[in-house]
C-alpha atoms as a PDB file:
ATOM      1  CA  UNK A   1     124.151  54.232  97.751  1.00  0.00           C
ATOM      2  CA  UNK A   2     122.220  54.931 100.977  1.00  0.00           C
ATOM      3  CA  UNK A   3     118.825  55.178  99.300  1.00  0.00           C
ATOM      4  CA  UNK A   4     119.430  51.909  97.449  1.00  0.00           C
ATOM      5  CA  UNK A   5     120.429  50.138 100.663  1.00  0.00           C
ATOM      6  CA  UNK A   6     117.393  51.477 102.531  1.00  0.00           C
ATOM      7  CA  UNK A   7     115.100  50.387  99.711  1.00  0.00           C
ATOM      8  CA  UNK A   8     116.717  46.953  99.721  1.00  0.00           C
ATOM      9  CA  UNK A   9     115.835  46.675 103.406  1.00  0.00           C
ATOM     10  CA  UNK A  10     112.199  47.484 102.760  1.00  0.00           C
ATOM     11  CA  UNK A  11     112.055  51.248 103.342  1.00  0.00           C
ATOM     12  CA  UNK A  12     110.254  53.654 101.036  1.00  0.00           C
ATOM     13  CA  UNK A  13     113.380  55.595 100.079  1.00  0.00           C
ATOM     14  CA  UNK A  14     113.373  59.005  98.397  1.00  0.00           C
ATOM     15  CA  UNK A  15     116.577  60.520  97.018  1.00  0.00           C
ATOM     16  CA  UNK A  16     116.852  64.278  96.560  1.00  0.00           C
ATOM     17  CA  UNK A  17     119.464  66.103  94.499  1.00  0.00           C
ATOM     18  CA  UNK A  18     119.610  69.369  92.590  1.00  0.00           C
ATOM     19  CA  UNK A  19     121.764  67.805  89.864  1.00  0.00           C
ATOM     20  CA  UNK A  20     119.482  66.069  87.351  1.00  0.00           C
ATOM     21  CA  UNK A  21     122.405  64.205  85.747  1.00  0.00           C
ATOM     22  CA  UNK A  22     123.421  62.740  89.088  1.00  0.00           C
ATOM     23  CA  UNK A  23     119.841  61.645  89.699  1.00  0.00           C
ATOM     24  CA  UNK A  24     119.688  59.814  86.376  1.00  0.00           C
ATOM     25  CA  UNK A  25     122.810  57.871  87.326  1.00  0.00           C
ATOM     26  CA  UNK A  26     121.537  57.122  90.825  1.00  0.00           C
ATOM     27  CA  UNK A  27     118.066  55.891  89.883  1.00  0.00           C
ATOM     28  CA  UNK A  28     117.436  52.275  90.874  1.00  0.00           C
ATOM     29  CA  UNK A  29     114.401  50.059  91.279  1.00  0.00           C
ATOM     30  CA  UNK A  30     112.574  50.758  94.523  1.00  0.00           C
ATOM     31  CA  UNK A  31     114.057  54.244  94.907  1.00  0.00           C
ATOM     32  CA  UNK A  32     112.061  57.405  94.241  1.00  0.00           C
ATOM     33  CA  UNK A  33     114.139  60.284  92.883  1.00  0.00           C
ATOM     34  CA  UNK A  34     113.232  63.976  93.209  1.00  0.00           C
ATOM     35  CA  UNK A  35     115.123  66.909  91.683  1.00  0.00           C
ATOM     36  CA  UNK A  36     114.889  69.689  94.267  1.00  0.00           C
ATOM     37  CA  UNK A  37     116.751  72.317  96.256  1.00  0.00           C
ATOM     38  CA  UNK A  38     117.565  71.125  99.790  1.00  0.00           C
ATOM     39  CA  UNK A  39     116.352  74.445 101.172  1.00  0.00           C
ATOM     40  CA  UNK A  40     112.929  74.153  99.513  1.00  0.00           C
ATOM     41  CA  UNK A  41     111.953  70.508  99.824  1.00  0.00           C
ATOM     42  CA  UNK A  42     108.741  69.729  97.896  1.00  0.00           C
ATOM     43  CA  UNK A  43     107.268  67.579 100.651  1.00  0.00           C
ATOM     44  CA  UNK A  44     104.511  68.020 103.217  1.00  0.00           C
ATOM     45  CA  UNK A  45     105.358  68.629 106.858  1.00  0.00           C
ATOM     46  CA  UNK A  46     105.995  65.459 108.881  1.00  0.00           C
ATOM     47  CA  UNK A  47     106.439  63.405 105.689  1.00  0.00           C
ATOM     48  CA  UNK A  48     109.472  61.332 106.752  1.00  0.00           C
ATOM     49  CA  UNK A  49     110.523  59.231 109.716  1.00  0.00           C
ATOM     50  CA  UNK A  50     114.201  59.522 108.795  1.00  0.00           C
ATOM     51  CA  UNK A  51     116.461  61.880 106.863  1.00  0.00           C
ATOM     52  CA  UNK A  52     120.057  61.044 105.939  1.00  0.00           C
ATOM     53  CA  UNK A  53     122.386  63.815 104.780  1.00  0.00           C
ATOM     54  CA  UNK A  54     125.878  62.528 104.016  1.00  0.00           C
ATOM     55  CA  UNK A  55     128.477  65.264 103.403  1.00  0.00           C
ATOM     56  CA  UNK A  56     125.862  67.535 101.832  1.00  0.00           C
ATOM     57  CA  UNK A  57     125.664  70.328 104.404  1.00  0.00           C
ATOM     58  CA  UNK A  58     129.425  70.957 104.141  1.00  0.00           C
ATOM     59  CA  UNK A  59     128.902  72.074 100.544  1.00  0.00           C
ATOM     60  CA  UNK A  60     126.221  74.603 101.487  1.00  0.00           C
ATOM     61  CA  UNK A  61     127.261  78.086 102.529  1.00  0.00           C
ATOM     62  CA  UNK A  62     126.625  78.500 106.291  1.00  0.00           C
ATOM     63  CA  UNK A  63     124.567  81.630 105.540  1.00  0.00           C
ATOM     64  CA  UNK A  64     121.868  79.457 103.978  1.00  0.00           C
ATOM     65  CA  UNK A  65     122.596  76.194 105.789  1.00  0.00           C
ATOM     66  CA  UNK A  66     120.286  77.149 108.659  1.00  0.00           C
ATOM     67  CA  UNK A  67     117.374  77.420 106.226  1.00  0.00           C
ATOM     68  CA  UNK A  68     118.177  73.998 104.799  1.00  0.00           C
ATOM     69  CA  UNK A  69     118.222  72.478 108.287  1.00  0.00           C
ATOM     70  CA  UNK A  70     114.951  74.208 109.133  1.00  0.00           C
ATOM     71  CA  UNK A  71     113.279  72.695 106.060  1.00  0.00           C
ATOM     72  CA  UNK A  72     114.636  69.263 106.955  1.00  0.00           C
ATOM     73  CA  UNK A  73     113.204  69.747 110.440  1.00  0.00           C
ATOM     74  CA  UNK A  74     109.857  70.613 108.877  1.00  0.00           C
ATOM     75  CA  UNK A  75     109.564  67.392 106.856  1.00  0.00           C
ATOM     76  CA  UNK A  76     110.537  65.037 109.705  1.00  0.00           C
ATOM     77  CA  UNK A  77     107.707  63.678 111.789  1.00  0.00           C
ATOM     78  CA  UNK A  78     107.703  63.956 115.587  1.00  0.00           C
ATOM     79  CA  UNK A  79     109.919  61.215 116.976  1.00  0.00           C
ATOM     80  CA  UNK A  80     111.783  60.992 113.667  1.00  0.00           C
ATOM     81  CA  UNK A  81     115.560  60.984 113.363  1.00  0.00           C
ATOM     82  CA  UNK A  82     118.082  62.778 111.139  1.00  0.00           C
ATOM     83  CA  UNK A  83     121.669  61.769 110.429  1.00  0.00           C
ATOM     84  CA  UNK A  84     124.048  64.540 109.339  1.00  0.00           C
ATOM     85  CA  UNK A  85     127.718  64.196 108.433  1.00  0.00           C
ATOM     86  CA  UNK A  86     129.891  67.259 107.897  1.00  0.00           C
ATOM     87  CA  UNK A  87     133.538  67.825 107.046  1.00  0.00           C
ATOM     88  CA  UNK A  88     135.689  68.280 110.131  1.00  0.00           C
ATOM     89  CA  UNK A  89     137.475  71.624 110.332  1.00  0.00           C
ATOM     90  CA  UNK A  90     140.195  70.224 112.630  1.00  0.00           C
ATOM     91  CA  UNK A  91     141.305  67.682 110.021  1.00  0.00           C
ATOM     92  CA  UNK A  92     141.347  70.126 107.128  1.00  0.00           C
ATOM     93  CA  UNK A  93     143.144  72.765 109.212  1.00  0.00           C
ATOM     94  CA  UNK A  94     145.807  70.265 110.301  1.00  0.00           C
ATOM     95  CA  UNK A  95     146.454  69.187 106.730  1.00  0.00           C
ATOM     96  CA  UNK A  96     147.028  72.847 105.819  1.00  0.00           C
ATOM     97  CA  UNK A  97     149.279  73.544 108.818  1.00  0.00           C
ATOM     98  CA  UNK A  98     151.447  70.519 108.015  1.00  0.00           C
ATOM     99  CA  UNK A  99     152.075  72.082 104.609  1.00  0.00           C
ATOM    100  CA  UNK A 100     152.867  75.404 106.280  1.00  0.00           C
ATOM    101  CA  UNK A 101     149.712  76.988 104.943  1.00  0.00           C
ATOM    102  CA  UNK A 102     146.922  78.862 106.656  1.00  0.00           C
ATOM    103  CA  UNK A 103     143.686  77.097 107.442  1.00  0.00           C
ATOM    104  CA  UNK A 104     140.747  78.446 105.465  1.00  0.00           C
ATOM    105  CA  UNK A 105     137.094  79.126 106.184  1.00  0.00           C
ATOM    106  CA  UNK A 106     136.100  77.699 102.795  1.00  0.00           C
ATOM    107  CA  UNK A 107     138.035  75.296 100.583  1.00  0.00           C
ATOM    108  CA  UNK A 108     137.530  75.657  96.837  1.00  0.00           C
ATOM    109  CA  UNK A 109     137.732  72.377  94.941  1.00  0.00           C
ATOM    110  CA  UNK A 110     137.250  71.396  91.308  1.00  0.00           C
ATOM    111  CA  UNK A 111     133.760  70.098  92.058  1.00  0.00           C
ATOM    112  CA  UNK A 112     132.189  71.733  95.111  1.00  0.00           C
ATOM    113  CA  UNK A 113     133.292  74.254  97.720  1.00  0.00           C
ATOM    114  CA  UNK A 114     133.642  72.927 101.266  1.00  0.00           C
ATOM    115  CA  UNK A 115     132.736  74.888 104.409  1.00  0.00           C
ATOM    116  CA  UNK A 116     134.060  72.664 107.231  1.00  0.00           C
ATOM    117  CA  UNK A 117     132.562  72.763 110.716  1.00  0.00           C
ATOM    118  CA  UNK A 118     133.117  71.555 114.249  1.00  0.00           C
ATOM    119  CA  UNK A 119     130.471  69.592 116.199  1.00  0.00           C
ATOM    120  CA  UNK A 120     129.647  72.541 118.453  1.00  0.00           C
ATOM    121  CA  UNK A 121     128.617  74.641 115.433  1.00  0.00           C
ATOM    122  CA  UNK A 122     126.596  71.761 114.049  1.00  0.00           C
ATOM    123  CA  UNK A 123     124.779  71.323 117.355  1.00  0.00           C
ATOM    124  CA  UNK A 124     123.759  74.999 117.440  1.00  0.00           C
ATOM    125  CA  UNK A 125     122.381  74.836 113.890  1.00  0.00           C
ATOM    126  CA  UNK A 126     120.505  71.582 114.535  1.00  0.00           C
ATOM    127  CA  UNK A 127     118.955  72.984 117.725  1.00  0.00           C
ATOM    128  CA  UNK A 128     117.779  76.053 115.786  1.00  0.00           C
ATOM    129  CA  UNK A 129     116.020  73.799 113.252  1.00  0.00           C
ATOM    130  CA  UNK A 130     113.588  72.377 115.795  1.00  0.00           C
ATOM    131  CA  UNK A 131     115.501  69.125 116.250  1.00  0.00           C
ATOM    132  CA  UNK A 132     117.681  68.029 119.156  1.00  0.00           C
ATOM    133  CA  UNK A 133     121.087  66.383 118.952  1.00  0.00           C
ATOM    134  CA  UNK A 134     120.507  62.976 120.526  1.00  0.00           C
ATOM    135  CA  UNK A 135     124.056  61.743 121.129  1.00  0.00           C
ATOM    136  CA  UNK A 136     127.680  62.787 121.278  1.00  0.00           C
ATOM    137  CA  UNK A 137     129.214  63.395 117.848  1.00  0.00           C
ATOM    138  CA  UNK A 138     130.858  60.412 116.201  1.00  0.00           C
ATOM    139  CA  UNK A 139     134.029  60.928 114.234  1.00  0.00           C
ATOM    140  CA  UNK A 140     134.244  59.028 110.941  1.00  0.00           C
ATOM    141  CA  UNK A 141     136.465  58.598 107.912  1.00  0.00           C
ATOM    142  CA  UNK A 142     140.185  58.730 108.570  1.00  0.00           C
ATOM    143  CA  UNK A 143     141.251  57.437 105.161  1.00  0.00           C
ATOM    144  CA  UNK A 144     140.483  59.875 102.348  1.00  0.00           C
ATOM    145  CA  UNK A 145     140.540  57.238  99.576  1.00  0.00           C
ATOM    146  CA  UNK A 146     138.215  54.784 101.325  1.00  0.00           C
ATOM    147  CA  UNK A 147     135.096  54.617  99.152  1.00  0.00           C
ATOM    148  CA  UNK A 148     132.282  52.136  98.610  1.00  0.00           C
ATOM    149  CA  UNK A 149     133.961  51.051  95.361  1.00  0.00           C
ATOM    150  CA  UNK A 150     137.164  50.406  97.343  1.00  0.00           C
ATOM    151  CA  UNK A 151     135.140  48.267  99.767  1.00  0.00           C
ATOM    152  CA  UNK A 152     133.699  46.211  96.904  1.00  0.00           C
ATOM    153  CA  UNK A 153     137.045  45.769  95.178  1.00  0.00           C
ATOM    154  CA  UNK A 154     139.152  45.008  98.276  1.00  0.00           C
ATOM    155  CA  UNK A 155     136.763  43.658 100.934  1.00  0.00           C
ATOM    156  CA  UNK A 156     139.420  42.211 103.266  1.00  0.00           C
ATOM    157  CA  UNK A 157     141.588  45.309 103.161  1.00  0.00           C
ATOM    158  CA  UNK A 158     138.479  47.472 103.593  1.00  0.00           C
ATOM    159  CA  UNK A 159     137.499  45.555 106.744  1.00  0.00           C
ATOM    160  CA  UNK A 160     140.989  46.131 108.130  1.00  0.00           C
ATOM    161  CA  UNK A 161     140.715  49.860 107.387  1.00  0.00           C
ATOM    162  CA  UNK A 162     137.308  49.933 109.108  1.00  0.00           C
ATOM    163  CA  UNK A 163     138.757  48.218 112.202  1.00  0.00           C
ATOM    164  CA  UNK A 164     141.637  50.726 112.384  1.00  0.00           C
ATOM    165  CA  UNK A 165     139.277  53.679 111.903  1.00  0.00           C
ATOM    166  CA  UNK A 166     136.970  52.333 114.609  1.00  0.00           C
ATOM    167  CA  UNK A 167     139.952  52.177 116.973  1.00  0.00           C
ATOM    168  CA  UNK A 168     141.041  55.717 116.117  1.00  0.00           C
ATOM    169  CA  UNK A 169     137.515  57.016 116.714  1.00  0.00           C
ATOM    170  CA  UNK A 170     137.730  55.746 120.312  1.00  0.00           C
ATOM    171  CA  UNK A 171     141.019  57.441 121.188  1.00  0.00           C
ATOM    172  CA  UNK A 172     140.368  60.849 122.820  1.00  0.00           C
ATOM    173  CA  UNK A 173     143.301  62.692 121.266  1.00  0.00           C
ATOM    174  CA  UNK A 174     143.196  61.178 117.800  1.00  0.00           C
ATOM    175  CA  UNK A 175     139.496  60.901 117.102  1.00  0.00           C
ATOM    176  CA  UNK A 176     139.174  64.595 116.218  1.00  0.00           C
ATOM    177  CA  UNK A 177     141.448  64.013 113.233  1.00  0.00           C
ATOM    178  CA  UNK A 178     138.643  62.318 111.299  1.00  0.00           C
ATOM    179  CA  UNK A 179     137.659  63.726 107.922  1.00  0.00           C
ATOM    180  CA  UNK A 180     133.989  63.906 108.898  1.00  0.00           C
ATOM    181  CA  UNK A 181     131.800  63.750 111.977  1.00  0.00           C
ATOM    182  CA  UNK A 182     128.259  62.488 112.463  1.00  0.00           C
ATOM    183  CA  UNK A 183     125.450  64.219 114.331  1.00  0.00           C
ATOM    184  CA  UNK A 184     122.285  62.273 115.159  1.00  0.00           C
ATOM    185  CA  UNK A 185     119.227  64.421 115.842  1.00  0.00           C
ATOM    186  CA  UNK A 186     115.632  63.682 116.762  1.00  0.00           C
ATOM    187  CA  UNK A 187     112.450  65.696 116.501  1.00  0.00           C
ATOM    188  CA  UNK A 188     110.758  65.928 119.899  1.00  0.00           C
ATOM    189  CA  UNK A 189     107.310  64.404 120.160  1.00  0.00           C
ATOM    190  CA  UNK A 190     104.550  66.988 120.300  1.00  0.00           C
ATOM    191  CA  UNK A 191     102.958  67.180 123.756  1.00  0.00           C
ATOM    192  CA  UNK A 192      99.268  68.062 123.672  1.00  0.00           C
ATOM    193  CA  UNK A 193      97.654  70.090 126.420  1.00  0.00           C
ATOM    194  CA  UNK A 194      95.343  67.225 127.405  1.00  0.00           C
ATOM    195  CA  UNK A 195      98.265  64.815 127.758  1.00  0.00           C
ATOM    196  CA  UNK A 196     100.149  67.276 129.962  1.00  0.00           C
ATOM    197  CA  UNK A 197      97.088  67.808 132.133  1.00  0.00           C
ATOM    198  CA  UNK A 198      96.685  64.064 132.637  1.00  0.00           C
ATOM    199  CA  UNK A 199     100.309  63.737 133.710  1.00  0.00           C
ATOM    200  CA  UNK A 200     101.196  61.481 130.768  1.00  0.00           C
ATOM    201  CA  UNK A 201     104.468  63.273 130.144  1.00  0.00           C
END
């Protein structure tokens, strides 16, 4: 969905997934598709101005997630930006507590395991990848059944849900109950020795 929208807006969009079947379904005109492991991206350094990772990192074991982030940091050019969303541990823990169950470190599902995080953990991992978190985390997604298909089928209701979620994300006590949170990171521009000597920085 994101690669198609970026391509529609004129970007050279490249989608990456390890699942070849999913890639065949996702292929659209104007979108380049690559079957690859997120931790070993087959791209040159500084190849992209932007990377978007939507609810991917949550499905990667934290033991190897740092390597994935490091490789993402490698392929982003200086001044580039990365958008990461991860599942929010607070929300998943609360849903377990309300059912009188213990919160878990990893949640096993029929499709993919989920290792939820909190923004502080995400910030540490992003910093270690050579990028810098550029803004406060944004909390997203309060309605678990709200999908793009839902938006297309019920546009008016979807806009109402979006308005309510936007309100919730602004309330200090309730915003942490979002299903996911967004981290925006940038890659610092490289400062050359000559530029520093001239006082251009």
